Amino acid sequence: MHNKIKSSLLAFCLLSISLLSACSAIAPEPTATATVTQTSTATFTPLPTITATPSPTPIPAPERAAYTLNTTVDYDAHIVTVDETIVYPNHTGERLNELVLAVEPNLWAGGFTLASLSIDGTPNTTYTLTDQRLNLALTEFLQPEQIITLKLQYTLTLPLAEQADPNDSRPRIYGYTKSQMNLTNWYPFIVPYINGGWVLHDPWYYGEHLVYDSADYEVNLKFADPASAPVVAASGYAEAQADFTRYTITAARTFALSISREFQVSSTQVGDVTLSSYYFPLSVVGGKAALKASAEALQVYSQRFGPYTHKTLAIVMGDFNDGMEYSAFFYLSRDFYGGLYDGTPANYLTFVAAHETSHQWWFEQVGNDQAQQPWLDETLATYSERVYYEALYPDLLSWWWTYRIDYYHPQGFTDIPIYDGQGFRPYTNAAYFQGAHFLEALRARIGDEAFFAFLQDYLAQSRGKIVNADDFFRILKTHTSTDYSDLVRQYFQNIYQ
């Protein structure tokens, strides 16, 4: 840079000889500032200081992906339109030439219509969408810690939830019934990338097949007919805006919505957490009982395991017979609110509410592959029911073991994938109930102090991650020197070291 300046000045001086007077030699530049003097009466403005332009400081990639969903619901037409933005940081440690998204609504014919898709502002059509899988080819590698932004516009035409596959042994939650609209796994999301591959399993007749990274969500929800807007149960914290409601939640696995004009709501506060129970008019007693059990369970688990990480929890009565966990949100079967509820803690409504509440620890905070290793959340969630009863209703523990766990004479290996369950009952007997027996035997073997220290450490080390069985036993080993290898051989088909 300095040589170019000197050459320009020298040329200028030689030209000035014929026009003015002699030009003195250019003095050496001790700094980046060059000053030129003239022997003639002409005056020259000093050249500006030359400074190097600093390189911009790289913006660190955010800790998690962020999803923004601007959503309009036509409740009566069962149609949802969405403008979605995904900001995805590549924390895989590898450069990626494609992204894979789960698109569950596309499992229903005509259920998902993609209007547009862009990458970093550029329209993109280099994708394939087959069943639940959207493969998006990238024109350039996405480098580790680099950020990419996707924008999608699409329409959901919801199915009637009762119209499930006749071979499916569990009802469909996604869709609508005569009393409610349920948006579960309703938006495309980037699936986890683990050990060199994208994790998106095939759906199955029972159990859960999806695996979720932790992410941040903002859902801006409005209705096509605001005058008749229904009641909304949601995963996130609600803030009313001018013509829509904004729901936000951070470090969450999912975002679920249940919407109904028939919902009645009861709420309570546990610390800074607001719990709300949504139920239908003929189920007021059950709705309040579900709220009570969930609030009690939240307190017990916060003490025994570690803190609850969100500000809200929605307990939703489903217009179907199934329970399911989502982030800061879960469903309970409608039959639990009616004839199966007897007004005491010794019933399905209470222990399943405790079970689903515990999934806010074992699923939400500690993620796992629910298709290949479902026991990691279901065994712990089932045993958490026992933790709930021993803390609050110890006289019911014997009843719980008999009625909840041993009624179906459980057998089989705890660590079966959902695809090897050979039916809903054999699968739950193994992954849920045999798993509870394993944890009870482990607790008796190593003692309460080591057992609960392990669970707390397992939560602390695994929060926000997706773990596997090796992680479970690796952390367990650090809390006891007692040999429990015979229990592993008894309850597991794979021997974890």
Protein backbone atom coordinates (compact mmCIF):
# COMPACT_ATOMS: atom_id res chain seq x y z
CA MET A 1 0.00 0.00 0.00
CA HIS A 2 2.84 2.46 0.87
CA ASN A 3 4.74 1.80 -2.40
CA LYS A 4 1.66 2.66 -4.45
CA ILE A 5 1.31 5.97 -2.60
CA LYS A 6 4.97 6.83 -3.10
CA SER A 7 4.80 6.06 -6.81
CA SER A 8 1.76 8.28 -7.21
CA LEU A 9 3.42 11.16 -5.37
CA LEU A 10 6.64 10.87 -7.37
CA ALA A 11 4.72 10.96 -10.63
CA PHE A 12 2.86 14.01 -9.41
CA CYS A 13 6.13 15.80 -8.44
CA LEU A 14 7.73 15.14 -11.85
CA LEU A 15 4.67 16.61 -13.52
CA SER A 16 4.83 19.63 -11.23
CA ILE A 17 8.44 20.48 -12.26
CA SER A 18 7.29 21.86 -15.55
CA LEU A 19 4.39 23.71 -14.06
CA LEU A 20 5.60 25.01 -10.73
CA SER A 21 8.96 24.50 -9.06
CA ALA A 22 11.10 21.58 -8.01
CA CYS A 23 9.57 18.96 -5.74
CA SER A 24 11.56 17.81 -2.75
CA ALA A 25 12.22 14.13 -2.11
CA ILE A 26 9.59 12.14 -0.19
CA ALA A 27 10.70 11.46 3.36
CA PRO A 28 10.66 7.92 4.74
CA GLU A 29 7.37 6.88 6.50
CA PRO A 30 7.97 5.92 10.10
CA THR A 31 4.22 5.31 10.50
CA ALA A 32 1.21 4.72 8.29
CA THR A 33 0.79 8.53 7.94
CA ALA A 34 2.56 10.12 4.97
CA THR A 35 3.15 13.91 4.97
CA VAL A 36 4.34 15.71 1.76
CA THR A 37 6.01 19.17 1.72
CA GLN A 38 6.54 21.54 -1.26
CA THR A 39 9.27 24.17 -1.84
CA SER A 40 6.84 26.20 -3.91
CA THR A 41 4.07 28.30 -2.59
CA ALA A 42 1.56 25.58 -3.43
CA THR A 43 0.07 23.82 -0.41
CA PHE A 44 -0.95 20.17 -0.41
CA THR A 45 -3.34 18.51 1.99
CA PRO A 46 -1.63 15.68 3.90
CA LEU A 47 -2.62 12.19 2.82
CA PRO A 48 -4.99 10.38 5.15
CA THR A 49 -3.80 7.88 7.71
CA ILE A 50 -3.79 4.38 6.30
CA THR A 51 -5.29 1.78 8.64
CA ALA A 52 -6.11 -1.85 8.05
CA THR A 53 -9.79 -2.73 8.15
CA PRO A 54 -10.30 -5.16 11.03
CA SER A 55 -11.88 -8.50 10.22
CA PRO A 56 -15.43 -8.76 11.53
CA THR A 57 -15.80 -10.80 14.71
CA PRO A 58 -17.53 -14.09 13.85
CA ILE A 59 -21.01 -14.36 15.30
CA PRO A 60 -21.15 -17.56 17.39
CA ALA A 61 -23.79 -20.07 16.39
CA PRO A 62 -26.77 -20.18 18.75
CA GLU A 63 -26.94 -23.06 21.20
CA ARG A 64 -30.06 -24.55 19.60
CA ALA A 65 -32.18 -24.37 16.48
CA ALA A 66 -35.00 -21.83 16.57
CA TYR A 67 -38.46 -22.30 15.05
CA THR A 68 -40.83 -19.42 14.36
CA LEU A 69 -44.31 -20.43 13.20
CA ASN A 70 -46.74 -17.74 12.10
CA THR A 71 -49.95 -19.74 12.17
CA THR A 72 -53.54 -19.11 11.14
CA VAL A 73 -56.19 -21.63 12.15
CA ASP A 74 -59.56 -22.04 10.45
CA TYR A 75 -61.12 -24.09 13.22
CA ASP A 76 -64.36 -24.99 11.46
CA ALA A 77 -62.75 -25.83 8.12
CA HIS A 78 -59.96 -27.84 9.87
CA ILE A 79 -57.31 -25.99 7.87
CA VAL A 80 -54.08 -24.45 9.19
CA THR A 81 -51.78 -22.17 7.20
CA VAL A 82 -48.21 -21.68 8.39
CA ASP A 83 -45.28 -19.43 7.54
CA GLU A 84 -42.33 -21.17 9.22
CA THR A 85 -38.74 -20.03 9.73
CA ILE A 86 -36.04 -22.42 10.94
CA VAL A 87 -32.65 -21.08 12.04
CA TYR A 88 -30.41 -24.14 12.25
CA PRO A 89 -26.85 -24.11 13.65
CA ASN A 90 -24.71 -27.03 12.51
CA HIS A 91 -23.43 -28.48 15.78
CA THR A 92 -22.87 -31.93 14.27
CA GLY A 93 -19.11 -31.47 13.95
CA GLU A 94 -19.37 -32.46 10.28
CA ARG A 95 -20.00 -30.57 7.07
CA LEU A 96 -23.43 -31.35 5.69
CA ASN A 97 -24.59 -31.53 2.08
CA GLU A 98 -28.23 -32.09 2.93
CA LEU A 99 -30.81 -31.60 5.66
CA VAL A 100 -33.54 -34.06 6.58
CA LEU A 101 -36.86 -32.85 7.98
CA ALA A 102 -39.70 -34.84 9.48
CA VAL A 103 -43.05 -33.85 7.97
CA GLU A 104 -45.63 -35.93 9.83
CA PRO A 105 -48.75 -34.33 8.29
CA ASN A 106 -47.66 -35.67 4.90
CA LEU A 107 -48.49 -39.18 6.11
CA TRP A 108 -52.13 -38.31 5.35
CA ALA A 109 -53.07 -38.01 1.68
CA GLY A 110 -53.58 -34.34 0.87
CA GLY A 111 -52.70 -33.39 4.43
CA PHE A 112 -49.65 -31.25 3.66
CA THR A 113 -49.28 -28.77 0.81
CA LEU A 114 -45.92 -27.02 0.52
CA ALA A 115 -46.26 -23.65 -1.21
CA SER A 116 -42.64 -22.47 -1.02
CA LEU A 117 -39.26 -23.26 0.46
CA SER A 118 -36.16 -21.07 0.56
CA ILE A 119 -32.63 -21.37 1.94
CA ASP A 120 -30.99 -18.20 3.20
CA GLY A 121 -33.43 -16.16 1.14
CA THR A 122 -32.99 -18.10 -2.11
CA PRO A 123 -35.94 -20.16 -3.42
CA ASN A 124 -35.16 -23.87 -3.48
CA THR A 125 -36.78 -26.74 -5.30
CA THR A 126 -34.04 -29.35 -4.89
CA TYR A 127 -35.91 -31.43 -2.36
CA THR A 128 -37.84 -34.66 -2.25
CA LEU A 129 -40.83 -35.27 0.00
CA THR A 130 -41.86 -38.88 0.49
CA ASP A 131 -44.23 -39.88 3.27
CA GLN A 132 -42.83 -38.23 6.42
CA ARG A 133 -39.34 -37.50 5.04
CA LEU A 134 -38.21 -34.30 3.34
CA ASN A 135 -34.67 -34.49 1.94
CA LEU A 136 -33.26 -31.07 1.17
CA ALA A 137 -30.08 -31.01 -0.94
CA LEU A 138 -27.72 -28.10 -0.26
CA THR A 139 -25.84 -26.37 -3.10
CA GLU A 140 -22.89 -25.73 -0.76
CA PHE A 141 -21.65 -27.63 2.26
CA LEU A 142 -22.97 -26.40 5.59
CA GLN A 143 -19.80 -26.21 7.62
CA PRO A 144 -19.57 -27.04 11.34
CA GLU A 145 -20.93 -24.18 13.48
CA GLN A 146 -22.31 -22.46 10.39
CA ILE A 147 -25.92 -21.25 10.47
CA ILE A 148 -28.56 -21.82 7.81
CA THR A 149 -32.06 -20.33 7.60
CA LEU A 150 -35.00 -22.15 6.03
CA LYS A 151 -38.36 -20.61 5.26
CA LEU A 152 -41.38 -22.74 4.45
CA GLN A 153 -44.96 -21.83 3.64
CA TYR A 154 -47.52 -24.60 3.75
CA THR A 155 -51.12 -25.58 4.43
CA LEU A 156 -52.34 -28.38 6.67
CA THR A 157 -55.64 -30.05 5.90
CA LEU A 158 -56.33 -31.94 9.11
CA PRO A 159 -57.63 -35.51 9.13
CA LEU A 160 -60.53 -36.70 11.23
CA ALA A 161 -58.67 -38.30 14.12
CA GLU A 162 -61.01 -41.29 14.38
CA GLN A 163 -60.10 -42.30 10.82
CA ALA A 164 -56.98 -44.18 11.86
CA ASP A 165 -55.36 -46.99 9.94
CA PRO A 166 -57.40 -50.11 10.85
CA ASN A 167 -54.09 -51.90 11.49
CA ASP A 168 -53.05 -49.23 13.97
CA SER A 169 -53.64 -50.28 17.56
CA ARG A 170 -53.58 -46.74 18.94
CA PRO A 171 -55.80 -43.79 17.99
CA ARG A 172 -54.40 -40.89 16.03
CA ILE A 173 -53.96 -37.76 18.11
CA TYR A 174 -53.07 -35.41 15.25
CA GLY A 175 -56.14 -33.99 13.54
CA TYR A 176 -59.61 -33.10 14.76
CA THR A 177 -62.52 -34.72 16.57
CA LYS A 178 -66.02 -33.44 17.16
CA SER A 179 -64.75 -31.61 20.26
CA GLN A 180 -61.16 -30.53 19.65
CA MET A 181 -58.34 -29.87 17.19
CA ASN A 182 -54.96 -31.40 18.04
CA LEU A 183 -51.75 -30.15 16.48
CA THR A 184 -48.99 -32.57 17.43
CA ASN A 185 -45.85 -32.99 15.31
CA TRP A 186 -47.61 -30.60 12.95
CA TYR A 187 -44.67 -28.59 11.59
CA PRO A 188 -41.61 -29.75 9.62
CA PHE A 189 -38.55 -30.01 11.84
CA ILE A 190 -34.92 -30.94 11.26
CA VAL A 191 -34.30 -34.35 12.78
CA PRO A 192 -31.20 -35.14 14.87
CA TYR A 193 -27.93 -36.04 13.20
CA ILE A 194 -26.18 -38.72 15.27
CA ASN A 195 -23.13 -40.84 14.50
CA GLY A 196 -22.96 -39.76 10.88
CA GLY A 197 -26.62 -40.08 9.97
CA TRP A 198 -30.03 -38.43 10.18
CA VAL A 199 -32.35 -40.13 12.67
CA LEU A 200 -35.88 -40.54 11.30
CA HIS A 201 -37.51 -43.89 12.02
CA ASP A 202 -40.58 -45.39 10.41
CA PRO A 203 -43.92 -44.98 12.19
CA TRP A 204 -45.20 -47.97 14.13
CA TYR A 205 -48.48 -49.25 15.51
CA TYR A 206 -47.60 -48.32 19.11
CA GLY A 207 -44.90 -46.39 20.90
CA GLU A 208 -43.20 -43.27 19.55
CA HIS A 209 -40.89 -43.29 16.54
CA LEU A 210 -39.65 -39.68 16.40
CA VAL A 211 -36.46 -38.36 18.00
CA TYR A 212 -36.11 -34.67 18.76
CA ASP A 213 -33.28 -32.23 19.29
CA SER A 214 -33.89 -29.51 21.84
CA ALA A 215 -34.91 -26.20 20.20
CA ASP A 216 -36.49 -22.80 20.85
CA TYR A 217 -40.02 -22.08 19.65
CA GLU A 218 -42.11 -19.00 18.93
CA VAL A 219 -45.65 -19.63 17.69
CA ASN A 220 -47.72 -16.64 16.65
CA LEU A 221 -51.29 -17.93 16.53
CA LYS A 222 -54.41 -16.30 15.18
CA PHE A 223 -57.81 -17.51 14.00
CA ALA A 224 -59.57 -16.99 10.70
CA ASP A 225 -62.69 -16.04 12.71
CA PRO A 226 -61.48 -14.17 15.80
CA ALA A 227 -65.04 -13.60 16.98
CA SER A 228 -65.51 -17.30 17.67
CA ALA A 229 -61.96 -18.15 18.71
CA PRO A 230 -61.77 -21.32 20.84
CA VAL A 231 -59.75 -22.00 23.98
CA VAL A 232 -56.13 -22.94 23.35
CA ALA A 233 -53.88 -25.29 25.34
CA ALA A 234 -50.28 -24.85 24.28
CA SER A 235 -46.73 -25.89 25.08
CA GLY A 236 -45.52 -22.32 25.51
CA TYR A 237 -46.01 -19.22 27.59
CA ALA A 238 -48.80 -17.05 26.15
CA GLU A 239 -48.60 -13.30 25.52
CA ALA A 240 -51.56 -11.52 23.91
CA GLN A 241 -50.70 -9.24 20.98
CA ALA A 242 -52.89 -6.91 18.93
CA ASP A 243 -54.51 -9.54 16.72
CA PHE A 244 -52.76 -12.78 17.69
CA THR A 245 -51.26 -14.62 20.65
CA ARG A 246 -47.55 -15.31 20.91
CA TYR A 247 -46.43 -18.54 22.59
CA THR A 248 -42.77 -19.07 23.45
CA ILE A 249 -40.76 -21.88 24.96
CA THR A 250 -37.01 -22.48 25.03
CA ALA A 251 -34.98 -25.69 25.14
CA ALA A 252 -38.02 -27.77 24.18
CA ARG A 253 -38.35 -30.99 22.22
CA THR A 254 -41.74 -30.21 20.67
CA PHE A 255 -44.53 -27.66 20.46
CA ALA A 256 -48.10 -28.96 20.79
CA LEU A 257 -51.50 -27.30 20.61
CA SER A 258 -54.97 -28.51 21.52
CA ILE A 259 -57.89 -26.24 20.63
CA SER A 260 -61.56 -26.50 21.57
CA ARG A 261 -64.63 -24.34 22.06
CA GLU A 262 -65.73 -26.75 24.80
CA PHE A 263 -62.67 -26.56 27.06
CA GLN A 264 -63.05 -25.53 30.65
CA VAL A 265 -59.87 -24.58 32.47
CA SER A 266 -58.61 -24.85 36.04
CA SER A 267 -55.17 -23.55 37.02
CA THR A 268 -52.82 -23.60 39.96
CA GLN A 269 -49.34 -22.33 40.78
CA VAL A 270 -46.32 -24.31 41.94
CA GLY A 271 -43.52 -21.85 42.59
CA ASP A 272 -43.18 -19.88 39.36
CA VAL A 273 -44.84 -22.60 37.26
CA THR A 274 -48.46 -22.22 36.15
CA LEU A 275 -50.25 -25.53 35.64
CA SER A 276 -53.52 -25.53 33.70
CA SER A 277 -55.96 -28.40 33.25
CA TYR A 278 -58.19 -28.39 30.14
CA TYR A 279 -61.25 -30.63 30.23
CA PHE A 280 -64.77 -30.97 28.86
CA PRO A 281 -67.86 -29.77 30.76
CA LEU A 282 -68.95 -33.17 32.12
CA SER A 283 -65.49 -33.88 33.54
CA VAL A 284 -64.96 -31.05 36.03
CA VAL A 285 -64.15 -33.34 38.95
CA GLY A 286 -61.67 -35.36 36.93
CA GLY A 287 -60.17 -32.24 35.40
CA LYS A 288 -59.43 -30.76 38.80
CA ALA A 289 -58.11 -34.09 40.08
CA ALA A 290 -55.69 -34.32 37.13
CA LEU A 291 -54.48 -30.82 37.94
CA LYS A 292 -53.94 -31.73 41.60
CA ALA A 293 -52.02 -34.92 40.82
CA SER A 294 -49.82 -33.15 38.24
CA ALA A 295 -49.03 -30.30 40.64
CA GLU A 296 -48.12 -32.78 43.36
CA ALA A 297 -45.95 -34.79 40.98
CA LEU A 298 -44.15 -31.68 39.75
CA GLN A 299 -43.23 -30.81 43.32
CA VAL A 300 -42.04 -34.34 44.14
CA TYR A 301 -39.95 -34.71 41.00
CA SER A 302 -38.40 -31.27 41.36
CA GLN A 303 -37.16 -32.33 44.78
CA ARG A 304 -36.12 -35.87 43.86
CA PHE A 305 -34.67 -35.36 40.37
CA GLY A 306 -33.99 -31.70 39.67
CA PRO A 307 -35.83 -28.52 38.68
CA TYR A 308 -38.65 -28.29 36.18
CA THR A 309 -37.37 -26.08 33.36
CA HIS A 310 -40.45 -24.35 31.92
CA LYS A 311 -42.92 -21.76 33.20
CA THR A 312 -46.13 -23.57 32.23
CA LEU A 313 -47.55 -27.09 32.07
CA ALA A 314 -50.77 -27.95 30.21
CA ILE A 315 -52.77 -31.06 31.19
CA VAL A 316 -55.23 -31.80 28.40
CA MET A 317 -58.18 -34.17 28.35
CA GLY A 318 -58.13 -35.90 24.98
CA ASP A 319 -61.26 -36.63 23.03
CA PHE A 320 -59.77 -40.09 22.54
CA ASN A 321 -58.36 -42.87 24.69
CA ASP A 322 -54.65 -42.27 24.69
CA GLY A 323 -52.08 -40.36 26.70
CA MET A 324 -49.03 -38.68 25.23
CA GLU A 325 -46.29 -36.36 26.38
CA TYR A 326 -45.03 -33.22 24.67
CA SER A 327 -43.00 -30.27 25.90
CA ALA A 328 -44.75 -28.57 28.86
CA PHE A 329 -47.91 -30.36 27.71
CA PHE A 330 -49.51 -33.80 27.86
CA TYR A 331 -52.76 -35.59 27.06
CA LEU A 332 -54.75 -37.91 29.31
CA SER A 333 -57.33 -40.40 28.03
CA ARG A 334 -60.96 -39.33 28.28
CA ASP A 335 -61.97 -42.60 30.01
CA PHE A 336 -59.69 -41.75 32.95
CA TYR A 337 -61.94 -38.78 33.75
CA GLY A 338 -65.17 -40.78 33.82
CA GLY A 339 -65.97 -44.27 35.00
CA LEU A 340 -62.35 -45.12 35.86
CA TYR A 341 -62.05 -42.22 38.29
CA ASP A 342 -63.33 -42.93 41.81
CA GLY A 343 -62.30 -39.73 43.59
CA THR A 344 -59.25 -41.26 45.30
CA PRO A 345 -55.54 -41.36 44.35
CA ALA A 346 -55.86 -45.09 43.64
CA ASN A 347 -56.86 -44.85 40.00
CA TYR A 348 -55.59 -44.50 36.45
CA LEU A 349 -56.14 -40.75 36.27
CA THR A 350 -53.74 -40.17 39.15
CA PHE A 351 -50.91 -42.52 38.28
CA VAL A 352 -50.97 -41.72 34.57
CA ALA A 353 -50.97 -37.99 35.38
CA ALA A 354 -47.89 -38.64 37.53
CA HIS A 355 -46.38 -40.70 34.70
CA GLU A 356 -46.93 -38.05 32.02
CA THR A 357 -45.70 -35.28 34.32
CA SER A 358 -42.44 -37.18 34.81
CA HIS A 359 -41.89 -37.16 31.05
CA GLN A 360 -41.02 -33.48 31.52
CA TRP A 361 -37.79 -34.93 32.95
CA TRP A 362 -37.49 -38.26 31.09
CA PHE A 363 -38.14 -37.21 27.47
CA GLU A 364 -38.20 -33.43 27.67
CA GLN A 365 -35.02 -32.68 29.57
CA VAL A 366 -33.25 -35.98 28.85
CA GLY A 367 -33.93 -37.02 25.27
CA ASN A 368 -33.53 -40.51 23.82
CA ASP A 369 -34.25 -42.58 20.75
CA GLN A 370 -37.86 -43.50 21.50
CA ALA A 371 -38.01 -46.09 18.73
CA GLN A 372 -34.80 -48.02 19.36
CA GLN A 373 -34.41 -47.53 23.13
CA PRO A 374 -37.85 -46.55 24.43
CA TRP A 375 -37.10 -47.90 27.90
CA LEU A 376 -34.86 -44.93 28.65
CA ASP A 377 -37.85 -42.65 29.07
CA GLU A 378 -40.70 -45.10 29.66
CA THR A 379 -39.00 -47.15 32.38
CA LEU A 380 -38.03 -44.01 34.28
CA ALA A 381 -41.47 -42.45 33.79
CA THR A 382 -43.19 -45.58 35.08
CA TYR A 383 -40.90 -45.83 38.10
CA SER A 384 -41.50 -42.14 38.78
CA GLU A 385 -45.09 -43.09 39.56
CA ARG A 386 -43.68 -45.15 42.42
CA VAL A 387 -41.64 -42.15 43.57
CA TYR A 388 -44.84 -40.07 43.55
CA TYR A 389 -46.81 -42.58 45.63
CA GLU A 390 -44.07 -43.25 48.16
CA ALA A 391 -43.73 -39.50 48.77
CA LEU A 392 -47.44 -38.70 49.12
CA TYR A 393 -49.48 -41.89 49.49
CA PRO A 394 -47.13 -44.58 50.87
CA ASP A 395 -50.04 -46.72 52.01
CA LEU A 396 -50.97 -47.17 48.31
CA LEU A 397 -47.59 -48.53 47.19
CA SER A 398 -48.60 -52.18 47.47
CA TRP A 399 -51.80 -51.45 45.53
CA TRP A 400 -49.80 -49.64 42.82
CA TRP A 401 -47.41 -52.56 42.31
CA THR A 402 -50.28 -55.01 42.11
CA TYR A 403 -52.77 -53.02 40.02
CA ARG A 404 -50.45 -50.98 37.80
CA ILE A 405 -47.33 -53.09 37.34
CA ASP A 406 -48.05 -56.78 37.93
CA TYR A 407 -51.67 -57.02 36.76
CA TYR A 408 -50.63 -58.11 33.25
CA HIS A 409 -47.82 -60.42 34.45
CA PRO A 410 -45.00 -58.54 32.71
CA GLN A 411 -42.14 -60.39 31.10
CA GLY A 412 -39.56 -59.88 28.39
CA PHE A 413 -36.44 -57.79 28.05
CA THR A 414 -36.72 -54.15 29.01
CA ASP A 415 -34.58 -52.80 26.15
CA ILE A 416 -36.66 -53.91 23.17
CA PRO A 417 -37.22 -51.50 20.27
CA ILE A 418 -40.84 -50.64 19.54
CA TYR A 419 -40.63 -52.76 16.37
CA ASP A 420 -39.87 -55.91 18.39
CA GLY A 421 -42.67 -55.52 20.91
CA GLN A 422 -45.02 -58.06 19.26
CA GLY A 423 -48.05 -55.98 20.22
CA PHE A 424 -48.94 -53.12 22.51
CA ARG A 425 -49.36 -55.19 25.68
CA PRO A 426 -46.13 -57.24 25.36
CA TYR A 427 -44.28 -54.02 24.49
CA THR A 428 -45.53 -52.10 27.55
CA ASN A 429 -45.04 -55.14 29.77
CA ALA A 430 -41.36 -55.12 28.83
CA ALA A 431 -40.39 -51.47 28.37
CA TYR A 432 -42.63 -50.04 31.12
CA PHE A 433 -43.30 -52.69 33.75
CA GLN A 434 -40.25 -54.93 33.57
CA GLY A 435 -38.26 -51.71 33.55
CA ALA A 436 -39.91 -50.63 36.79
CA HIS A 437 -38.96 -53.95 38.36
CA PHE A 438 -35.37 -53.47 37.21
CA LEU A 439 -35.14 -50.03 38.81
CA GLU A 440 -36.70 -51.31 42.03
CA ALA A 441 -34.17 -54.14 42.19
CA LEU A 442 -31.31 -51.76 41.35
CA ARG A 443 -32.42 -49.35 44.07
CA ALA A 444 -32.58 -52.13 46.64
CA ARG A 445 -29.12 -53.32 45.58
CA ILE A 446 -27.22 -50.00 45.66
CA GLY A 447 -29.28 -48.13 48.28
CA ASP A 448 -31.44 -45.03 48.19
CA GLU A 449 -28.61 -42.53 48.54
CA ALA A 450 -26.67 -43.83 45.54
CA PHE A 451 -29.84 -44.42 43.52
CA PHE A 452 -31.20 -40.89 43.76
CA ALA A 453 -27.73 -39.35 43.47
CA PHE A 454 -27.43 -41.25 40.21
CA LEU A 455 -30.79 -40.01 38.90
CA GLN A 456 -29.94 -36.42 39.74
CA ASP A 457 -26.54 -36.70 38.08
CA TYR A 458 -28.03 -38.47 35.05
CA LEU A 459 -30.42 -35.55 34.64
CA ALA A 460 -27.73 -32.92 35.17
CA GLN A 461 -25.29 -34.46 32.70
CA SER A 462 -27.91 -35.29 30.08
CA ARG A 463 -30.14 -32.22 30.13
CA GLY A 464 -30.77 -30.97 26.59
CA LYS A 465 -29.01 -33.97 25.02
CA ILE A 466 -30.06 -37.21 23.36
CA VAL A 467 -28.64 -40.09 25.39
CA ASN A 468 -28.44 -43.84 24.98
CA ALA A 469 -28.22 -46.88 27.23
CA ASP A 470 -24.42 -46.67 27.37
CA ASP A 471 -24.73 -43.17 28.84
CA PHE A 472 -27.21 -44.44 31.44
CA PHE A 473 -24.91 -47.20 32.68
CA ARG A 474 -21.75 -45.11 32.37
CA ILE A 475 -23.16 -42.51 34.76
CA LEU A 476 -24.61 -45.20 37.03
CA LYS A 477 -21.16 -46.78 37.47
CA THR A 478 -19.79 -43.55 38.94
CA HIS A 479 -22.29 -43.72 41.82
CA THR A 480 -21.79 -47.24 43.09
CA SER A 481 -19.16 -49.92 43.38
CA THR A 482 -21.81 -52.57 44.06
CA ASP A 483 -22.07 -55.32 41.48
CA TYR A 484 -25.42 -55.30 39.68
CA SER A 485 -24.37 -57.20 36.55
CA ASP A 486 -26.80 -60.03 37.30
CA LEU A 487 -29.69 -57.54 37.15
CA VAL A 488 -28.54 -56.31 33.76
CA ARG A 489 -28.40 -59.88 32.47
CA GLN A 490 -31.86 -60.57 33.87
CA TYR A 491 -33.66 -57.57 32.43
CA PHE A 492 -31.69 -56.63 29.29
CA GLN A 493 -31.03 -58.49 26.06
CA ASN A 494 -27.96 -56.31 25.47
CA ILE A 495 -25.27 -56.30 28.14
CA TYR A 496 -24.21 -52.71 28.72
CA GLN A 497 -20.72 -52.21 30.10
